[in-house]
Amino acid sequence: LGVTLMYMFLYKGPISIIIIEIIVNSIILFLTMLNIRKYLDYKILDQ
C-alpha cells in the first residue's frame, strides 16, 4: 500500500511521501489492533 501510494504522489513534492506514510501507518495500526482483539480478546475501545 505504501509503495503504491508513494509512486502515485511522488511528483507532488517530497513532503507528500511522509504524508502518505502517516496515512498508511494509521491504517496498519487499526488493522493490527483488530488482530490483537482476535488473539488476545482485547476490545478496540480498551486499546
All heavy atoms as atom14 arrays in JSON, in Angstrom:
{
  "sequence": "LGVTLMYMFLYKGPISIIIIEIIVNSIILFLTMLNIRKYLDYKILDQ",
  "atom14_mask": [
    [1, 1, 1, 1, 1, 1, 1, 1, 0, 0, 0, 0, 0, 0],
    [1, 1, 1, 1, 0, 0, 0, 0, 0, 0, 0, 0, 0, 0],
    [1, 1, 1, 1, 1, 1, 1, 0, 0, 0, 0, 0, 0, 0],
    [1, 1, 1, 1, 1, 1, 1, 0, 0, 0, 0, 0, 0, 0],
    [1, 1, 1, 1, 1, 1, 1, 1, 0, 0, 0, 0, 0, 0],
    [1, 1, 1, 1, 1, 1, 1, 1, 0, 0, 0, 0, 0, 0],
    [1, 1, 1, 1, 1, 1, 1, 1, 1, 1, 1, 1, 0, 0],
    [1, 1, 1, 1, 1, 1, 1, 1, 0, 0, 0, 0, 0, 0],
    [1, 1, 1, 1, 1, 1, 1, 1, 1, 1, 1, 0, 0, 0],
    [1, 1, 1, 1, 1, 1, 1, 1, 0, 0, 0, 0, 0, 0],
    [1, 1, 1, 1, 1, 1, 1, 1, 1, 1, 1, 1, 0, 0],
    [1, 1, 1, 1, 1, 1, 1, 1, 1, 0, 0, 0, 0, 0],
    [1, 1, 1, 1, 0, 0, 0, 0, 0, 0, 0, 0, 0, 0],
    [1, 1, 1, 1, 1, 1, 1, 0, 0, 0, 0, 0, 0, 0],
    [1, 1, 1, 1, 1, 1, 1, 1, 0, 0, 0, 0, 0, 0],
    [1, 1, 1, 1, 1, 1, 0, 0, 0, 0, 0, 0, 0, 0],
    [1, 1, 1, 1, 1, 1, 1, 1, 0, 0, 0, 0, 0, 0],
    [1, 1, 1, 1, 1, 1, 1, 1, 0, 0, 0, 0, 0, 0],
    [1, 1, 1, 1, 1, 1, 1, 1, 0, 0, 0, 0, 0, 0],
    [1, 1, 1, 1, 1, 1, 1, 1, 0, 0, 0, 0, 0, 0],
    [1, 1, 1, 1, 1, 1, 1, 1, 1, 0, 0, 0, 0, 0],
    [1, 1, 1, 1, 1, 1, 1, 1, 0, 0, 0, 0, 0, 0],
    [1, 1, 1, 1, 1, 1, 1, 1, 0, 0, 0, 0, 0, 0],
    [1, 1, 1, 1, 1, 1, 1, 0, 0, 0, 0, 0, 0, 0],
    [1, 1, 1, 1, 1, 1, 1, 1, 0, 0, 0, 0, 0, 0],
    [1, 1, 1, 1, 1, 1, 0, 0, 0, 0, 0, 0, 0, 0],
    [1, 1, 1, 1, 1, 1, 1, 1, 0, 0, 0, 0, 0, 0],
    [1, 1, 1, 1, 1, 1, 1, 1, 0, 0, 0, 0, 0, 0],
    [1, 1, 1, 1, 1, 1, 1, 1, 0, 0, 0, 0, 0, 0],
    [1, 1, 1, 1, 1, 1, 1, 1, 1, 1, 1, 0, 0, 0],
    [1, 1, 1, 1, 1, 1, 1, 1, 0, 0, 0, 0, 0, 0],
    [1, 1, 1, 1, 1, 1, 1, 0, 0, 0, 0, 0, 0, 0],
    [1, 1, 1, 1, 1, 1, 1, 1, 0, 0, 0, 0, 0, 0],
    [1, 1, 1, 1, 1, 1, 1, 1, 0, 0, 0, 0, 0, 0],
    [1, 1, 1, 1, 1, 1, 1, 1, 0, 0, 0, 0, 0, 0],
    [1, 1, 1, 1, 1, 1, 1, 1, 0, 0, 0, 0, 0, 0],
    [1, 1, 1, 1, 1, 1, 1, 1, 1, 1, 1, 0, 0, 0],
    [1, 1, 1, 1, 1, 1, 1, 1, 1, 0, 0, 0, 0, 0],
    [1, 1, 1, 1, 1, 1, 1, 1, 1, 1, 1, 1, 0, 0],
    [1, 1, 1, 1, 1, 1, 1, 1, 0, 0, 0, 0, 0, 0],
    [1, 1, 1, 1, 1, 1, 1, 1, 0, 0, 0, 0, 0, 0],
    [1, 1, 1, 1, 1, 1, 1, 1, 1, 1, 1, 1, 0, 0],
    [1, 1, 1, 1, 1, 1, 1, 1, 1, 0, 0, 0, 0, 0],
    [1, 1, 1, 1, 1, 1, 1, 1, 0, 0, 0, 0, 0, 0],
    [1, 1, 1, 1, 1, 1, 1, 1, 0, 0, 0, 0, 0, 0],
    [1, 1, 1, 1, 1, 1, 1, 1, 0, 0, 0, 0, 0, 0],
    [1, 1, 1, 1, 1, 1, 1, 1, 1, 0, 0, 0, 0, 0]
  ],
  "atom14_positions": [
    [[0.82, -1.2, 0.0], [0.0, 0.0, 0.0], [0.86, 1.25, 0.0], [0.6, 2.21, -0.74], [-0.92, -0.01, 1.23], [-1.92, 1.14, 1.38], [-2.87, 1.18, 0.18], [-2.7, 1.0, 2.68], [0.0, 0.0, 0.0], [0.0, 0.0, 0.0], [0.0, 0.0, 0.0], [0.0, 0.0, 0.0], [0.0, 0.0, 0.0], [0.0, 0.0, 0.0]],
    [[1.9, 1.26, 0.82], [2.78, 2.43, 0.93], [3.52, 2.75, -0.34], [3.54, 3.9, -0.79], [0.0, 0.0, 0.0], [0.0, 0.0, 0.0], [0.0, 0.0, 0.0], [0.0, 0.0, 0.0], [0.0, 0.0, 0.0], [0.0, 0.0, 0.0], [0.0, 0.0, 0.0], [0.0, 0.0, 0.0], [0.0, 0.0, 0.0], [0.0, 0.0, 0.0]],
    [[4.15, 1.73, -0.94], [4.92, 1.95, -2.18], [4.02, 2.4, -3.31], [4.36, 3.3, -4.09], [5.68, 0.66, -2.57], [6.29, 0.79, -3.96], [6.78, 0.37, -1.55], [0.0, 0.0, 0.0], [0.0, 0.0, 0.0], [0.0, 0.0, 0.0], [0.0, 0.0, 0.0], [0.0, 0.0, 0.0], [0.0, 0.0, 0.0], [0.0, 0.0, 0.0]],
    [[2.83, 1.79, -3.41], [1.88, 2.16, -4.47], [1.49, 3.63, -4.38], [1.54, 4.37, -5.37], [0.6, 1.28, -4.38], [0.97, -0.09, -4.49], [-0.36, 1.65, -5.51], [0.0, 0.0, 0.0], [0.0, 0.0, 0.0], [0.0, 0.0, 0.0], [0.0, 0.0, 0.0], [0.0, 0.0, 0.0], [0.0, 0.0, 0.0], [0.0, 0.0, 0.0]],
    [[1.13, 4.06, -3.17], [0.71, 5.46, -2.98], [1.88, 6.43, -3.13], [1.72, 7.54, -3.64], [0.06, 5.63, -1.6], [-1.29, 4.93, -1.42], [-1.77, 5.07, 0.02], [-2.33, 5.5, -2.37], [0.0, 0.0, 0.0], [0.0, 0.0, 0.0], [0.0, 0.0, 0.0], [0.0, 0.0, 0.0], [0.0, 0.0, 0.0], [0.0, 0.0, 0.0]],
    [[3.08, 5.99, -2.71], [4.27, 6.84, -2.84], [4.56, 7.15, -4.31], [4.85, 8.29, -4.67], [5.48, 6.17, -2.19], [5.76, 6.64, -0.77], [7.35, 6.08, -0.19], [6.88, 4.67, 0.77], [0.0, 0.0, 0.0], [0.0, 0.0, 0.0], [0.0, 0.0, 0.0], [0.0, 0.0, 0.0], [0.0, 0.0, 0.0], [0.0, 0.0, 0.0]],
    [[4.51, 6.13, -5.13], [4.76, 6.33, -6.57], [3.68, 7.19, -7.21], [3.94, 7.98, -8.12], [4.86, 4.97, -7.28], [6.24, 4.38, -7.24], [6.56, 3.35, -6.37], [7.25, 4.86, -8.09], [7.83, 2.81, -6.32], [8.52, 4.33, -8.05], [8.81, 3.3, -7.17], [10.08, 2.78, -7.13], [0.0, 0.0, 0.0], [0.0, 0.0, 0.0]],
    [[2.46, 7.06, -6.74], [1.34, 7.84, -7.3], [1.49, 9.34, -7.02], [1.16, 10.18, -7.86], [0.01, 7.33, -6.74], [-0.43, 5.99, -7.28], [-1.94, 5.37, -6.46], [-3.11, 6.64, -6.89], [0.0, 0.0, 0.0], [0.0, 0.0, 0.0], [0.0, 0.0, 0.0], [0.0, 0.0, 0.0], [0.0, 0.0, 0.0], [0.0, 0.0, 0.0]],
    [[2.01, 9.66, -5.81], [2.08, 11.06, -5.39], [3.5, 11.61, -5.33], [3.71, 12.71, -4.8], [1.4, 11.22, -4.02], [-0.09, 11.0, -4.04], [-0.62, 9.74, -3.81], [-0.95, 12.05, -4.32], [-1.99, 9.52, -3.84], [-2.33, 11.85, -4.34], [-2.85, 10.59, -4.11], [0.0, 0.0, 0.0], [0.0, 0.0, 0.0], [0.0, 0.0, 0.0]],
    [[4.45, 10.87, -5.87], [5.86, 11.25, -5.77], [6.14, 12.65, -6.3], [6.86, 13.44, -5.68], [6.73, 10.22, -6.51], [8.24, 10.51, -6.56], [8.82, 10.58, -5.16], [8.95, 9.45, -7.39], [0.0, 0.0, 0.0], [0.0, 0.0, 0.0], [0.0, 0.0, 0.0], [0.0, 0.0, 0.0], [0.0, 0.0, 0.0], [0.0, 0.0, 0.0]],
    [[5.56, 12.97, -7.44], [5.87, 14.25, -8.1], [5.05, 15.42, -7.53], [5.11, 16.53, -8.05], [5.65, 14.12, -9.61], [6.68, 13.2, -10.24], [6.39, 11.85, -10.46], [7.95, 13.68, -10.59], [7.35, 11.01, -11.01], [8.91, 12.83, -11.14], [8.59, 11.5, -11.35], [9.55, 10.67, -11.89], [0.0, 0.0, 0.0], [0.0, 0.0, 0.0]],
    [[4.3, 15.15, -6.46], [3.59, 16.23, -5.76], [4.51, 16.96, -4.79], [4.11, 17.91, -4.13], [2.38, 15.67, -5.0], [1.32, 15.0, -5.86], [0.62, 16.01, -6.76], [-0.49, 15.32, -7.56], [-1.19, 16.27, -8.46], [0.0, 0.0, 0.0], [0.0, 0.0, 0.0], [0.0, 0.0, 0.0], [0.0, 0.0, 0.0], [0.0, 0.0, 0.0]],
    [[5.74, 16.47, -4.68], [6.71, 17.06, -3.75], [7.17, 16.04, -2.73], [6.4, 15.13, -2.37], [0.0, 0.0, 0.0], [0.0, 0.0, 0.0], [0.0, 0.0, 0.0], [0.0, 0.0, 0.0], [0.0, 0.0, 0.0], [0.0, 0.0, 0.0], [0.0, 0.0, 0.0], [0.0, 0.0, 0.0], [0.0, 0.0, 0.0], [0.0, 0.0, 0.0]],
    [[8.4, 16.17, -2.24], [8.94, 15.17, -1.3], [8.17, 15.08, 0.01], [8.13, 14.03, 0.64], [10.38, 15.64, -1.07], [10.42, 17.07, -1.5], [9.4, 17.21, -2.58], [0.0, 0.0, 0.0], [0.0, 0.0, 0.0], [0.0, 0.0, 0.0], [0.0, 0.0, 0.0], [0.0, 0.0, 0.0], [0.0, 0.0, 0.0], [0.0, 0.0, 0.0]],
    [[7.53, 16.16, 0.42], [6.79, 16.14, 1.68], [5.58, 15.22, 1.59], [5.09, 14.68, 2.6], [6.34, 17.58, 2.06], [6.1, 17.67, 3.58], [5.09, 18.0, 1.29], [7.34, 17.7, 4.38], [0.0, 0.0, 0.0], [0.0, 0.0, 0.0], [0.0, 0.0, 0.0], [0.0, 0.0, 0.0], [0.0, 0.0, 0.0], [0.0, 0.0, 0.0]],
    [[5.08, 15.0, 0.35], [3.92, 14.13, 0.16], [4.24, 12.68, 0.56], [3.35, 11.93, 0.96], [3.45, 14.17, -1.3], [4.45, 13.65, -2.17], [0.0, 0.0, 0.0], [0.0, 0.0, 0.0], [0.0, 0.0, 0.0], [0.0, 0.0, 0.0], [0.0, 0.0, 0.0], [0.0, 0.0, 0.0], [0.0, 0.0, 0.0], [0.0, 0.0, 0.0]],
    [[5.52, 12.3, 0.47], [5.93, 10.94, 0.83], [5.67, 10.67, 2.31], [5.2, 9.6, 2.7], [7.42, 10.71, 0.47], [7.58, 10.69, -1.05], [7.94, 9.41, 1.08], [9.0, 10.51, -1.52], [0.0, 0.0, 0.0], [0.0, 0.0, 0.0], [0.0, 0.0, 0.0], [0.0, 0.0, 0.0], [0.0, 0.0, 0.0], [0.0, 0.0, 0.0]],
    [[5.97, 11.67, 3.16], [5.75, 11.48, 4.6], [4.25, 11.49, 4.92], [3.79, 10.73, 5.77], [6.45, 12.59, 5.42], [7.93, 12.67, 5.06], [6.31, 12.31, 6.91], [8.69, 13.7, 5.85], [0.0, 0.0, 0.0], [0.0, 0.0, 0.0], [0.0, 0.0, 0.0], [0.0, 0.0, 0.0], [0.0, 0.0, 0.0], [0.0, 0.0, 0.0]],
    [[3.49, 12.32, 4.23], [2.04, 12.37, 4.46], [1.41, 11.02, 4.11], [0.56, 10.5, 4.84], [1.4, 13.51, 3.64], [1.93, 14.87, 4.12], [-0.13, 13.46, 3.76], [1.49, 16.05, 3.28], [0.0, 0.0, 0.0], [0.0, 0.0, 0.0], [0.0, 0.0, 0.0], [0.0, 0.0, 0.0], [0.0, 0.0, 0.0], [0.0, 0.0, 0.0]],
    [[1.85, 10.45, 2.99], [1.37, 9.13, 2.58], [1.72, 8.09, 3.64], [0.91, 7.23, 4.0], [1.98, 8.72, 1.22], [1.4, 9.57, 0.09], [1.75, 7.23, 0.95], [-0.09, 9.43, -0.11], [0.0, 0.0, 0.0], [0.0, 0.0, 0.0], [0.0, 0.0, 0.0], [0.0, 0.0, 0.0], [0.0, 0.0, 0.0], [0.0, 0.0, 0.0]],
    [[2.92, 8.2, 4.18], [3.37, 7.24, 5.2], [2.51, 7.34, 6.46], [2.18, 6.31, 7.07], [4.83, 7.51, 5.55], [5.44, 6.42, 6.41], [6.92, 6.63, 6.67], [7.4, 7.76, 6.46], [7.58, 5.68, 7.1], [0.0, 0.0, 0.0], [0.0, 0.0, 0.0], [0.0, 0.0, 0.0], [0.0, 0.0, 0.0], [0.0, 0.0, 0.0]],
    [[2.12, 8.54, 6.86], [1.26, 8.72, 8.04], [-0.09, 8.05, 7.82], [-0.61, 7.35, 8.7], [1.06, 10.23, 8.34], [2.38, 10.87, 8.79], [-0.01, 10.43, 9.42], [2.33, 12.38, 8.87], [0.0, 0.0, 0.0], [0.0, 0.0, 0.0], [0.0, 0.0, 0.0], [0.0, 0.0, 0.0], [0.0, 0.0, 0.0], [0.0, 0.0, 0.0]],
    [[-0.65, 8.25, 6.62], [-1.96, 7.65, 6.29], [-1.87, 6.12, 6.32], [-2.71, 5.44, 6.92], [-2.44, 8.14, 4.91], [-2.72, 9.65, 4.95], [-3.69, 7.38, 4.48], [-2.97, 10.27, 3.59], [0.0, 0.0, 0.0], [0.0, 0.0, 0.0], [0.0, 0.0, 0.0], [0.0, 0.0, 0.0], [0.0, 0.0, 0.0], [0.0, 0.0, 0.0]],
    [[-0.83, 5.59, 5.67], [-0.66, 4.13, 5.6], [-0.44, 3.54, 6.99], [-1.06, 2.53, 7.35], [0.52, 3.76, 4.67], [0.85, 2.26, 4.77], [0.2, 4.13, 3.23], [0.0, 0.0, 0.0], [0.0, 0.0, 0.0], [0.0, 0.0, 0.0], [0.0, 0.0, 0.0], [0.0, 0.0, 0.0], [0.0, 0.0, 0.0], [0.0, 0.0, 0.0]],
    [[0.41, 4.16, 7.79], [0.69, 3.63, 9.14], [-0.53, 3.68, 10.04], [-0.72, 2.82, 10.9], [1.85, 4.41, 9.77], [3.2, 4.0, 9.21], [3.38, 2.87, 8.77], [4.15, 4.92, 9.23], [0.0, 0.0, 0.0], [0.0, 0.0, 0.0], [0.0, 0.0, 0.0], [0.0, 0.0, 0.0], [0.0, 0.0, 0.0], [0.0, 0.0, 0.0]],
    [[-1.39, 4.68, 9.84], [-2.63, 4.77, 10.62], [-3.57, 3.62, 10.26], [-4.2, 3.02, 11.15], [-3.32, 6.11, 10.37], [-2.5, 7.19, 10.76], [0.0, 0.0, 0.0], [0.0, 0.0, 0.0], [0.0, 0.0, 0.0], [0.0, 0.0, 0.0], [0.0, 0.0, 0.0], [0.0, 0.0, 0.0], [0.0, 0.0, 0.0], [0.0, 0.0, 0.0]],
    [[-3.64, 3.31, 8.98], [-4.47, 2.17, 8.53], [-3.94, 0.87, 9.1], [-4.7, 0.02, 9.59], [-4.52, 2.12, 6.98], [-5.23, 3.35, 6.41], [-5.2, 0.83, 6.51], [-5.12, 3.49, 4.91], [0.0, 0.0, 0.0], [0.0, 0.0, 0.0], [0.0, 0.0, 0.0], [0.0, 0.0, 0.0], [0.0, 0.0, 0.0], [0.0, 0.0, 0.0]],
    [[-2.62, 0.7, 9.05], [-1.98, -0.53, 9.53], [-2.13, -0.66, 11.04], [-2.32, -1.77, 11.56], [-0.48, -0.56, 9.13], [-0.34, -0.64, 7.61], [0.23, -1.73, 9.79], [-1.03, -1.83, 6.97], [0.0, 0.0, 0.0], [0.0, 0.0, 0.0], [0.0, 0.0, 0.0], [0.0, 0.0, 0.0], [0.0, 0.0, 0.0], [0.0, 0.0, 0.0]],
    [[-2.09, 0.46, 11.76], [-2.28, 0.41, 13.2], [-3.67, -0.13, 13.54], [-3.81, -1.0, 14.42], [-2.11, 1.82, 13.8], [-2.44, 1.95, 15.29], [-1.57, 1.03, 16.14], [-2.3, 3.4, 15.76], [0.0, 0.0, 0.0], [0.0, 0.0, 0.0], [0.0, 0.0, 0.0], [0.0, 0.0, 0.0], [0.0, 0.0, 0.0], [0.0, 0.0, 0.0]],
    [[-4.67, 0.34, 12.83], [-6.04, -0.14, 13.07], [-6.15, -1.63, 12.73], [-6.78, -2.4, 13.47], [-7.04, 0.67, 12.25], [-8.47, 0.27, 12.5], [-9.1, 0.56, 13.71], [-9.19, -0.4, 11.53], [-10.41, 0.19, 13.95], [-10.51, -0.78, 11.75], [-11.13, -0.48, 12.97], [0.0, 0.0, 0.0], [0.0, 0.0, 0.0], [0.0, 0.0, 0.0]],
    [[-5.53, -2.05, 11.64], [-5.54, -3.45, 11.23], [-4.85, -4.32, 12.29], [-5.31, -5.42, 12.62], [-4.84, -3.61, 9.89], [-4.76, -5.03, 9.3], [-6.15, -5.58, 9.04], [-3.95, -5.02, 8.0], [0.0, 0.0, 0.0], [0.0, 0.0, 0.0], [0.0, 0.0, 0.0], [0.0, 0.0, 0.0], [0.0, 0.0, 0.0], [0.0, 0.0, 0.0]],
    [[-3.75, -3.81, 12.84], [-3.03, -4.54, 13.89], [-3.88, -4.67, 15.15], [-3.91, -5.73, 15.79], [-1.71, -3.8, 14.23], [-0.97, -3.56, 13.04], [-0.86, -4.62, 15.19], [0.0, 0.0, 0.0], [0.0, 0.0, 0.0], [0.0, 0.0, 0.0], [0.0, 0.0, 0.0], [0.0, 0.0, 0.0], [0.0, 0.0, 0.0], [0.0, 0.0, 0.0]],
    [[-4.58, -3.61, 15.49], [-5.45, -3.63, 16.67], [-6.58, -4.65, 16.51], [-6.97, -5.31, 17.48], [-6.0, -2.24, 16.94], [-4.94, -1.24, 17.4], [-5.52, 0.49, 17.41], [-6.67, 0.45, 18.77], [0.0, 0.0, 0.0], [0.0, 0.0, 0.0], [0.0, 0.0, 0.0], [0.0, 0.0, 0.0], [0.0, 0.0, 0.0], [0.0, 0.0, 0.0]],
    [[-7.09, -4.78, 15.3], [-8.13, -5.78, 15.04], [-7.61, -7.19, 15.28], [-8.31, -8.05, 15.83], [-8.63, -5.65, 13.59], [-9.49, -4.44, 13.27], [-9.8, -4.39, 11.77], [-10.8, -4.46, 14.06], [0.0, 0.0, 0.0], [0.0, 0.0, 0.0], [0.0, 0.0, 0.0], [0.0, 0.0, 0.0], [0.0, 0.0, 0.0], [0.0, 0.0, 0.0]],
    [[-6.36, -7.44, 14.87], [-5.76, -8.77, 15.08], [-5.46, -9.03, 16.55], [-5.59, -10.16, 17.02], [-4.48, -8.9, 14.24], [-4.77, -9.25, 12.8], [-4.94, -10.42, 12.45], [-4.85, -8.24, 11.95], [0.0, 0.0, 0.0], [0.0, 0.0, 0.0], [0.0, 0.0, 0.0], [0.0, 0.0, 0.0], [0.0, 0.0, 0.0], [0.0, 0.0, 0.0]],
    [[-5.06, -7.99, 17.28], [-4.83, -8.14, 18.72], [-6.14, -8.47, 19.43], [-6.18, -9.28, 20.36], [-4.19, -6.85, 19.3], [-2.73, -6.74, 18.88], [-4.33, -6.81, 20.82], [-1.81, -7.78, 19.48], [0.0, 0.0, 0.0], [0.0, 0.0, 0.0], [0.0, 0.0, 0.0], [0.0, 0.0, 0.0], [0.0, 0.0, 0.0], [0.0, 0.0, 0.0]],
    [[-7.23, -7.83, 18.98], [-8.54, -8.14, 19.54], [-8.88, -9.62, 19.35], [-9.42, -10.28, 20.25], [-9.61, -7.28, 18.88], [-11.02, -7.49, 19.45], [-12.07, -6.73, 18.68], [-12.23, -7.23, 17.31], [-13.14, -6.78, 16.45], [-13.98, -5.82, 16.82], [-13.2, -7.26, 15.23], [0.0, 0.0, 0.0], [0.0, 0.0, 0.0], [0.0, 0.0, 0.0]],
    [[-8.52, -10.14, 18.19], [-8.82, -11.53, 17.86], [-8.01, -12.52, 18.71], [-8.56, -13.49, 19.25], [-8.53, -11.77, 16.37], [-8.72, -13.22, 15.92], [-8.37, -13.37, 14.45], [-8.48, -14.83, 14.01], [-8.1, -15.0, 12.58], [0.0, 0.0, 0.0], [0.0, 0.0, 0.0], [0.0, 0.0, 0.0], [0.0, 0.0, 0.0], [0.0, 0.0, 0.0]],
    [[-6.71, -12.26, 18.86], [-5.83, -13.23, 19.52], [-5.77, -13.07, 21.04], [-5.53, -14.04, 21.76], [-4.42, -13.16, 18.94], [-4.34, -13.75, 17.55], [-4.36, -12.94, 16.43], [-4.26, -15.13, 17.37], [-4.3, -13.48, 15.14], [-4.21, -15.69, 16.1], [-4.22, -14.85, 14.99], [-4.17, -15.4, 13.73], [0.0, 0.0, 0.0], [0.0, 0.0, 0.0]],
    [[-5.97, -11.85, 21.55], [-5.87, -11.63, 23.0], [-7.2, -11.19, 23.62], [-7.24, -10.84, 24.79], [-4.8, -10.56, 23.3], [-3.36, -10.93, 22.95], [-2.43, -9.78, 23.35], [-2.93, -12.21, 23.65], [0.0, 0.0, 0.0], [0.0, 0.0, 0.0], [0.0, 0.0, 0.0], [0.0, 0.0, 0.0], [0.0, 0.0, 0.0], [0.0, 0.0, 0.0]],
    [[-8.27, -11.2, 22.82], [-9.59, -10.79, 23.3], [-9.52, -9.4, 23.94], [-9.99, -9.19, 25.06], [-10.13, -11.82, 24.3], [-11.6, -11.59, 24.64], [-12.31, -11.02, 23.78], [-12.02, -11.95, 25.76], [0.0, 0.0, 0.0], [0.0, 0.0, 0.0], [0.0, 0.0, 0.0], [0.0, 0.0, 0.0], [0.0, 0.0, 0.0], [0.0, 0.0, 0.0]],
    [[-8.94, -8.48, 23.19], [-8.68, -7.12, 23.69], [-9.56, -6.15, 22.88], [-9.31, -5.9, 21.72], [-7.2, -6.78, 23.5], [-6.66, -5.76, 24.48], [-5.31, -5.74, 24.81], [-7.48, -4.81, 25.09], [-4.79, -4.83, 25.72], [-6.98, -3.89, 25.98], [-5.62, -3.91, 26.3], [-5.12, -3.0, 27.19], [0.0, 0.0, 0.0], [0.0, 0.0, 0.0]],
    [[-10.6, -5.59, 23.51], [-11.53, -4.72, 22.81], [-10.83, -3.49, 22.23], [-9.92, -2.93, 22.85], [-12.65, -4.27, 23.75], [-13.55, -5.41, 24.22], [-14.62, -4.89, 25.18], [-15.5, -6.03, 25.66], [-16.53, -5.56, 26.63], [0.0, 0.0, 0.0], [0.0, 0.0, 0.0], [0.0, 0.0, 0.0], [0.0, 0.0, 0.0], [0.0, 0.0, 0.0]],
    [[-11.28, -3.06, 21.05], [-10.67, -1.92, 20.36], [-10.72, -0.66, 21.22], [-9.74, 0.08, 21.33], [-11.37, -1.66, 19.01], [-11.17, -2.84, 18.04], [-10.84, -0.37, 18.37], [-9.73, -3.04, 17.6], [0.0, 0.0, 0.0], [0.0, 0.0, 0.0], [0.0, 0.0, 0.0], [0.0, 0.0, 0.0], [0.0, 0.0, 0.0], [0.0, 0.0, 0.0]],
    [[-11.88, -0.42, 21.84], [-12.04, 0.79, 22.66], [-11.07, 0.78, 23.85], [-10.5, 1.82, 24.21], [-13.49, 0.9, 23.16], [-13.86, 2.22, 23.86], [-13.63, 3.41, 22.93], [-15.31, 2.17, 24.33], [0.0, 0.0, 0.0], [0.0, 0.0, 0.0], [0.0, 0.0, 0.0], [0.0, 0.0, 0.0], [0.0, 0.0, 0.0], [0.0, 0.0, 0.0]],
    [[-10.87, -0.39, 24.44], [-9.92, -0.5, 25.56], [-8.5, -0.23, 25.09], [-7.69, 0.36, 25.82], [-10.01, -1.9, 26.19], [-11.32, -2.12, 26.93], [-11.95, -1.12, 27.31], [-11.71, -3.29, 27.1], [0.0, 0.0, 0.0], [0.0, 0.0, 0.0], [0.0, 0.0, 0.0], [0.0, 0.0, 0.0], [0.0, 0.0, 0.0], [0.0, 0.0, 0.0]],
    [[-8.19, -0.67, 23.88], [-6.86, -0.41, 23.32], [-6.65, 1.08, 23.07], [-5.6, 1.63, 23.38], [-6.68, -1.18, 22.01], [-6.66, -2.69, 22.16], [-6.43, -3.39, 20.83], [-5.43, -3.16, 20.16], [-7.36, -4.26, 20.44], [0.0, 0.0, 0.0], [0.0, 0.0, 0.0], [0.0, 0.0, 0.0], [0.0, 0.0, 0.0], [0.0, 0.0, 0.0]]
  ]
}
